[in-house]
PDB file of N, CA and C in Angstrom:
ATOM      1  N   MET A   1       0.840  -1.174   0.000  1.00  0.00           N
ATOM      2  CA  MET A   1       0.000   0.000   0.000  1.00  0.00           C
ATOM      3  C   MET A   1       0.891   1.246   0.000  1.00  0.00           C
ATOM      4  N   GLN A   2       0.469   2.250  -0.749  1.00  0.00           N
ATOM      5  CA  GLN A   2       1.221   3.499  -0.850  1.00  0.00           C
ATOM      6  C   GLN A   2       0.314   4.666  -0.477  1.00  0.00           C
ATOM      7  N   LYS A   3       0.885   5.668   0.146  1.00  0.00           N
ATOM      8  CA  LYS A   3       0.141   6.867   0.533  1.00  0.00           C
ATOM      9  C   LYS A   3       0.119   7.855  -0.633  1.00  0.00           C
ATOM     10  N   ILE A   4      -0.897   8.696  -0.671  1.00  0.00           N
ATOM     11  CA  ILE A   4      -1.031   9.755  -1.667  1.00  0.00           C
ATOM     12  C   ILE A   4      -0.505  11.047  -1.052  1.00  0.00           C
ATOM     13  N   LYS A   5       0.341  11.780  -1.804  1.00  0.00           N
ATOM     14  CA  LYS A   5       0.882  13.058  -1.339  1.00  0.00           C
ATOM     15  C   LYS A   5       0.302  14.197  -2.172  1.00  0.00           C
ATOM     16  N   CYS A   6       0.156  15.345  -1.532  1.00  0.00           N
ATOM     17  CA  CYS A   6      -0.277  16.552  -2.242  1.00  0.00           C
ATOM     18  C   CYS A   6       0.881  17.008  -3.134  1.00  0.00           C
ATOM     19  N   PRO A   7       0.621  17.267  -4.428  1.00  0.00           N
ATOM     20  CA  PRO A   7       1.705  17.708  -5.320  1.00  0.00           C
ATOM     21  C   PRO A   7       2.158  19.151  -5.058  1.00  0.00           C
ATOM     22  N   TYR A   8       1.393  19.920  -4.308  1.00  0.00           N
ATOM     23  CA  TYR A   8       1.728  21.314  -4.061  1.00  0.00           C
ATOM     24  C   TYR A   8       2.547  21.506  -2.780  1.00  0.00           C
ATOM     25  N   CYS A   9       2.109  20.878  -1.683  1.00  0.00           N
ATOM     26  CA  CYS A   9       2.793  21.107  -0.407  1.00  0.00           C
ATOM     27  C   CYS A   9       3.500  19.859   0.126  1.00  0.00           C
ATOM     28  N   GLY A  10       3.232  18.686  -0.458  1.00  0.00           N
ATOM     29  CA  GLY A  10       3.882  17.462  -0.018  1.00  0.00           C
ATOM     30  C   GLY A  10       3.236  16.787   1.181  1.00  0.00           C
ATOM     31  N   TYR A  11       2.080  17.300   1.621  1.00  0.00           N
ATOM     32  CA  TYR A  11       1.383  16.704   2.764  1.00  0.00           C
ATOM     33  C   TYR A  11       0.959  15.282   2.423  1.00  0.00           C
ATOM     34  N   VAL A  12       1.207  14.350   3.341  1.00  0.00           N
ATOM     35  CA  VAL A  12       0.813  12.963   3.135  1.00  0.00           C
ATOM     36  C   VAL A  12      -0.664  12.847   3.502  1.00  0.00           C
ATOM     37  N   MET A  13      -1.487  12.604   2.498  1.00  0.00           N
ATOM     38  CA  MET A  13      -2.938  12.550   2.680  1.00  0.00           C
ATOM     39  C   MET A  13      -3.346  11.261   3.393  1.00  0.00           C
ATOM     40  N   PRO A  14      -4.506  11.273   4.049  1.00  0.00           N
ATOM     41  CA  PRO A  14      -5.010  10.054   4.700  1.00  0.00           C
ATOM     42  C   PRO A  14      -5.682   9.122   3.692  1.00  0.00           C
ATOM     43  N   LEU A  15      -5.004   8.883   2.566  1.00  0.00           N
ATOM     44  CA  LEU A  15      -5.485   7.999   1.510  1.00  0.00           C
ATOM     45  C   LEU A  15      -4.397   6.997   1.173  1.00  0.00           C
ATOM     46  N   THR A  16      -4.784   5.774   0.908  1.00  0.00           N
ATOM     47  CA  THR A  16      -3.819   4.766   0.483  1.00  0.00           C
ATOM     48  C   THR A  16      -4.304   4.135  -0.815  1.00  0.00           C
ATOM     49  N   ARG A  17      -3.346   3.584  -1.551  1.00  0.00           N
ATOM     50  CA  ARG A  17      -3.676   2.896  -2.801  1.00  0.00           C
ATOM     51  C   ARG A  17      -2.839   1.641  -2.909  1.00  0.00           C
ATOM     52  N   THR A  18      -3.333   0.696  -3.665  1.00  0.00           N
ATOM     53  CA  THR A  18      -2.569  -0.513  -3.911  1.00  0.00           C
ATOM     54  C   THR A  18      -1.696  -0.300  -5.141  1.00  0.00           C
ATOM     55  N   LYS A  19      -0.759  -1.175  -5.361  1.00  0.00           N
ATOM     56  CA  LYS A  19       0.140  -1.044  -6.511  1.00  0.00           C
ATOM     57  C   LYS A  19      -0.574  -1.274  -7.829  1.00  0.00           C
ATOM     58  N   SER A  20      -1.706  -1.976  -7.813  1.00  0.00           N
ATOM     59  CA  SER A  20      -2.438  -2.273  -9.048  1.00  0.00           C
ATOM     60  C   SER A  20      -3.578  -1.286  -9.307  1.00  0.00           C
ATOM     61  N   ALA A  21      -3.684  -0.218  -8.531  1.00  0.00           N
ATOM     62  CA  ALA A  21      -4.767   0.756  -8.682  1.00  0.00           C
ATOM     63  C   ALA A  21      -4.605   1.578  -9.957  1.00  0.00           C
ATOM     64  N   VAL A  22      -5.731   1.916 -10.583  1.00  0.00           N
ATOM     65  CA  VAL A  22      -5.775   2.774 -11.758  1.00  0.00           C
ATOM     66  C   VAL A  22      -6.829   3.834 -11.480  1.00  0.00           C
ATOM     67  N   CYS A  23      -6.496   5.105 -11.739  1.00  0.00           N
ATOM     68  CA  CYS A  23      -7.430   6.178 -11.390  1.00  0.00           C
ATOM     69  C   CYS A  23      -7.205   7.399 -12.262  1.00  0.00           C
ATOM     70  N   ARG A  24      -8.285   8.100 -12.558  1.00  0.00           N
ATOM     71  CA  ARG A  24      -8.232   9.423 -13.168  1.00  0.00           C
ATOM     72  C   ARG A  24      -9.590  10.079 -12.949  1.00  0.00           C
ATOM     73  N   GLY A  25      -9.605  11.380 -12.916  1.00  0.00           N
ATOM     74  CA  GLY A  25     -10.849  12.109 -12.724  1.00  0.00           C
ATOM     75  C   GLY A  25     -11.323  12.164 -11.282  1.00  0.00           C
ATOM     76  N   LEU A  26     -10.439  11.845 -10.328  1.00  0.00           N
ATOM     77  CA  LEU A  26     -10.787  11.907  -8.911  1.00  0.00           C
ATOM     78  C   LEU A  26     -10.114  13.140  -8.319  1.00  0.00           C
ATOM     79  N   PHE A  27     -10.924  14.101  -7.878  1.00  0.00           N
ATOM     80  CA  PHE A  27     -10.408  15.342  -7.327  1.00  0.00           C
ATOM     81  C   PHE A  27     -10.572  15.328  -5.817  1.00  0.00           C
ATOM     82  N   ILE A  28      -9.537  15.790  -5.116  1.00  0.00           N
ATOM     83  CA  ILE A  28      -9.528  15.776  -3.662  1.00  0.00           C
ATOM     84  C   ILE A  28      -8.955  17.100  -3.160  1.00  0.00           C
ATOM     85  N   LYS A  29      -9.439  17.556  -2.015  1.00  0.00           N
ATOM     86  CA  LYS A  29      -8.927  18.777  -1.404  1.00  0.00           C
ATOM     87  C   LYS A  29      -7.847  18.399  -0.405  1.00  0.00           C
ATOM     88  N   CYS A  30      -6.711  19.086  -0.459  1.00  0.00           N
ATOM     89  CA  CYS A  30      -5.598  18.808   0.436  1.00  0.00           C
ATOM     90  C   CYS A  30      -5.985  19.123   1.875  1.00  0.00           C
ATOM     91  N   LYS A  31      -5.598  18.267   2.789  1.00  0.00           N
ATOM     92  CA  LYS A  31      -5.870  18.446   4.212  1.00  0.00           C
ATOM     93  C   LYS A  31      -4.730  19.155   4.929  1.00  0.00           C
ATOM     94  N   GLY A  32      -3.739  19.611   4.182  1.00  0.00           N
ATOM     95  CA  GLY A  32      -2.610  20.321   4.768  1.00  0.00           C
ATOM     96  C   GLY A  32      -3.066  21.586   5.476  1.00  0.00           C
ATOM     97  N   ARG A  33      -2.374  21.942   6.513  1.00  0.00           N
ATOM     98  CA  ARG A  33      -2.771  23.067   7.365  1.00  0.00           C
ATOM     99  C   ARG A  33      -2.876  24.385   6.604  1.00  0.00           C
ATOM    100  N   ARG A  34      -1.937  24.639   5.708  1.00  0.00           N
ATOM    101  CA  ARG A  34      -1.931  25.920   4.997  1.00  0.00           C
ATOM    102  C   ARG A  34      -2.184  25.787   3.493  1.00  0.00           C
ATOM    103  N   CYS A  35      -2.480  24.605   3.021  1.00  0.00           N
ATOM    104  CA  CYS A  35      -2.634  24.385   1.579  1.00  0.00           C
ATOM    105  C   CYS A  35      -4.109  24.480   1.162  1.00  0.00           C
ATOM    106  N   GLY A  36      -4.858  23.409   1.311  1.00  0.00           N
ATOM    107  CA  GLY A  36      -6.277  23.400   0.960  1.00  0.00           C
ATOM    108  C   GLY A  36      -6.572  23.429  -0.528  1.00  0.00           C
ATOM    109  N   ARG A  37      -5.562  23.188  -1.362  1.00  0.00           N
ATOM    110  CA  ARG A  37      -5.782  23.210  -2.812  1.00  0.00           C
ATOM    111  C   ARG A  37      -6.423  21.921  -3.278  1.00  0.00           C
ATOM    112  N   ILE A  38      -7.127  22.010  -4.379  1.00  0.00           N
ATOM    113  CA  ILE A  38      -7.779  20.845  -4.970  1.00  0.00           C
ATOM    114  C   ILE A  38      -6.883  20.317  -6.079  1.00  0.00           C
ATOM    115  N   PHE A  39      -6.648  18.993  -6.065  1.00  0.00           N
ATOM    116  CA  PHE A  39      -5.818  18.380  -7.097  1.00  0.00           C
ATOM    117  C   PHE A  39      -6.442  17.066  -7.545  1.00  0.00           C
ATOM    118  N   GLU A  40      -6.045  16.629  -8.737  1.00  0.00           N
ATOM    119  CA  GLU A  40      -6.566  15.394  -9.314  1.00  0.00           C
ATOM    120  C   GLU A  40      -5.600  14.250  -9.033  1.00  0.00           C
ATOM    121  N   ILE A  41      -6.152  13.117  -8.654  1.00  0.00           N
ATOM    122  CA  ILE A  41      -5.344  11.921  -8.459  1.00  0.00           C
ATOM    123  C   ILE A  41      -5.323  11.173  -9.778  1.00  0.00           C
ATOM    124  N   LYS A  42      -4.126  11.051 -10.360  1.00  0.00           N
ATOM    125  CA  LYS A  42      -3.948  10.358 -11.635  1.00  0.00           C
ATOM    126  C   LYS A  42      -2.984   9.199 -11.406  1.00  0.00           C
ATOM    127  N   ILE A  43      -3.470   8.001 -11.631  1.00  0.00           N
ATOM    128  CA  ILE A  43      -2.636   6.812 -11.544  1.00  0.00           C
ATOM    129  C   ILE A  43      -2.783   6.109 -12.896  1.00  0.00           C
ATOM    130  N   PRO A  44      -1.757   6.186 -13.744  1.00  0.00           N
ATOM    131  CA  PRO A  44      -1.882   5.625 -15.089  1.00  0.00           C
ATOM    132  C   PRO A  44      -1.945   4.104 -15.095  1.00  0.00           C
ATOM    133  N   GLU A  45      -2.614   3.599 -16.118  1.00  0.00           N
ATOM    134  CA  GLU A  45      -2.707   2.152 -16.289  1.00  0.00           C
ATOM    135  C   GLU A  45      -1.374   1.638 -16.816  1.00  0.00           C
ATOM    136  N   ARG A  46      -0.844   0.653 -16.163  1.00  0.00           N
ATOM    137  CA  ARG A  46       0.448   0.093 -16.565  1.00  0.00           C
ATOM    138  C   ARG A  46       0.223  -1.261 -17.227  1.00  0.00           C
ATOM    139  N   GLU A  47       1.106  -1.564 -18.117  1.00  0.00           N
ATOM    140  CA  GLU A  47       1.036  -2.852 -18.806  1.00  0.00           C
ATOM    141  C   GLU A  47       1.616  -3.918 -17.899  1.00  0.00           C
ATOM    142  N   ILE A  48       0.803  -4.898 -17.528  1.00  0.00           N
ATOM    143  CA  ILE A  48       1.241  -5.970 -16.634  1.00  0.00           C
ATOM    144  C   ILE A  48       1.733  -7.137 -17.472  1.00  0.00           C
ATOM    145  N   LYS A  49       2.967  -7.547 -17.208  1.00  0.00           N
ATOM    146  CA  LYS A  49       3.551  -8.663 -17.975  1.00  0.00           C
ATOM    147  C   LYS A  49       3.685  -9.874 -17.088  1.00  0.00           C
TER     148      LYS A  49
END
């Protein structure tokens, strides 16, 4: 499991993902104390061999 970080402030969000997760179009607001920016979680689909 991997944690999601805010791309603007680096705050480690209270979200986890598995290594096989694929995502796009999911917007979340940063929980950082001084950030609060909205960003999209993009996890590209990888070719599994």
